[in-house]
Structure formats: C-alpha cells, structure tokens
Protein backbone atom coordinates (compact mmCIF):
# COMPACT_ATOMS: atom_id res chain seq x y z
CA UNK A 1 -24.25 -6.14 16.93
CA UNK A 2 -24.59 -8.95 14.29
CA UNK A 3 -23.02 -6.66 11.73
CA UNK A 4 -19.97 -6.12 13.90
CA UNK A 5 -19.46 -9.92 14.53
CA UNK A 6 -19.71 -10.47 10.74
CA UNK A 7 -16.98 -7.89 10.08
CA UNK A 8 -14.80 -9.38 12.84
CA UNK A 9 -15.11 -12.88 11.35
CA UNK A 10 -14.32 -11.66 7.79
CA UNK A 11 -11.25 -9.79 9.25
CA UNK A 12 -10.01 -12.94 11.03
CA UNK A 13 -10.36 -14.88 7.84
CA UNK A 14 -8.46 -12.29 5.83
CA UNK A 15 -5.69 -12.11 8.48
CA UNK A 16 -5.29 -15.90 8.63
CA UNK A 17 -5.26 -16.05 4.81
CA UNK A 18 -2.59 -13.37 4.50
CA UNK A 19 -0.39 -14.79 7.24
CA UNK A 20 2.90 -16.28 5.90
CA UNK A 21 2.81 -19.96 5.46
CA UNK A 22 5.62 -22.38 5.84
CA UNK A 23 7.04 -23.12 2.34
CA UNK A 24 10.49 -24.26 1.23
CA UNK A 25 12.68 -21.45 0.26
CA UNK A 26 12.11 -22.15 -3.52
CA UNK A 27 8.36 -21.79 -3.08
CA UNK A 28 8.20 -18.96 -0.56
CA UNK A 29 8.72 -15.97 -2.79
CA UNK A 30 6.44 -17.09 -5.71
CA UNK A 31 3.74 -17.92 -3.06
CA UNK A 32 4.24 -14.57 -1.41
CA UNK A 33 3.93 -12.81 -4.81
CA UNK A 34 0.86 -14.67 -5.74
CA UNK A 35 -1.01 -14.00 -2.57
CA UNK A 36 0.34 -10.38 -2.69
CA UNK A 37 -1.19 -9.90 -6.13
CA UNK A 38 -4.53 -11.09 -4.79
CA UNK A 39 -4.24 -8.68 -1.90
CA UNK A 40 -3.23 -5.86 -4.20
CA UNK A 41 -6.29 -6.41 -6.44
CA UNK A 42 -8.60 -6.63 -3.32
CA UNK A 43 -7.13 -3.63 -1.66
CA UNK A 44 -7.29 -1.56 -4.83
CA UNK A 45 -10.87 -2.35 -5.43
CA UNK A 46 -11.69 -1.63 -1.70
CA UNK A 47 -9.85 1.77 -1.98
CA UNK A 48 -11.78 2.63 -5.15
CA UNK A 49 -15.08 1.85 -3.43
CA UNK A 50 -14.14 3.79 -0.35
CA UNK A 51 -12.90 6.60 -2.46
CA UNK A 52 -16.00 6.67 -4.53
CA UNK A 53 -18.23 6.82 -1.45
CA UNK A 54 -15.93 9.48 0.04
CA UNK A 55 -16.26 11.53 -3.17
CA UNK A 56 -20.01 11.45 -3.08
CA UNK A 57 -19.94 12.88 0.49
CA UNK A 58 -16.96 15.32 0.04
CA UNK A 59 -17.36 16.57 -3.49
CA UNK A 60 -20.86 17.93 -3.98
CA UNK A 61 -22.14 19.32 -7.20
CA UNK A 62 -22.64 16.77 -9.88
CA UNK A 63 -19.43 14.93 -10.39
CA UNK A 64 -16.51 15.62 -12.63
CA UNK A 65 -12.85 15.87 -11.99
CA UNK A 66 -13.17 16.26 -8.10
CA UNK A 67 -14.98 13.03 -7.70
CA UNK A 68 -12.62 11.19 -10.06
CA UNK A 69 -9.61 12.54 -8.11
CA UNK A 70 -10.93 11.42 -4.74
CA UNK A 71 -11.90 8.06 -6.08
CA UNK A 72 -8.54 7.49 -7.70
CA UNK A 73 -6.80 8.65 -4.60
CA UNK A 74 -8.64 5.97 -2.62
CA UNK A 75 -7.55 3.29 -5.17
CA UNK A 76 -3.94 4.49 -4.91
CA UNK A 77 -4.06 4.32 -1.23
CA UNK A 78 -5.34 0.69 -1.33
CA UNK A 79 -2.74 -0.26 -4.00
CA UNK A 80 0.13 1.37 -2.02
CA UNK A 81 -0.74 -0.18 1.28
CA UNK A 82 -1.03 -3.68 -0.26
CA UNK A 83 2.37 -3.20 -2.18
CA UNK A 84 4.04 -2.17 1.08
CA UNK A 85 2.78 -5.31 2.72
CA UNK A 86 3.97 -7.53 -0.02
CA UNK A 87 7.39 -5.96 -0.17
CA UNK A 88 7.82 -6.29 3.65
CA UNK A 89 6.87 -9.97 3.49
CA UNK A 90 9.38 -10.64 0.74
CA UNK A 91 12.09 -8.76 2.63
CA UNK A 92 11.32 -10.98 5.67
CA UNK A 93 11.72 -14.10 3.66
CA UNK A 94 15.06 -12.88 2.14
CA UNK A 95 16.49 -12.22 5.64
C-alpha cells in the first residue's frame, strides 16, 4: 500500500513537471525542447531498464542477441513515446 502511494506521488510530480508552462512565444519552443530532451533521456533509460528486465524473463538461455534485441526494443519504445509527446507539445504551441 505504501509502495503504491509512493508511485502515485512520483507520477503526480512527473505530470506536473511535464505540463506546459506559460511562457512568452519566444521562450515557449526552446523551453519545450529543453524539457522534452530531459523527458526523452528519462523515457529512454526507463525503456532500456524495462526491456532489460523483460529480456531476462522472456529470453532464457544465457544472453546474446535475443536479450540485446528485447532491451533495445524497450529503449526504442521509450524514446519514441517521449519524442511523440514533445512533437505534440510543439505543434500545440505553433497553433
């Protein structure tokens, strides 16, 4: 129960830090890109960790190319999802 509350508080902090802030139009895009780069790095690392853990469970038998592929797939998923969020935020600013 305590672990669930900790996860919820971390999620709330992440969502509040990724919410678009009120900037002037000259500052909005660079700030969005800067926060987006931080989110991209965090999401990629999280994806690599999740992929690494999944590869341990899914790919038995010592390691090798299968585990690397699953781990890199997880990293790619994290990177792709973060890039999509950043591009959507930039599109919203430009509208």
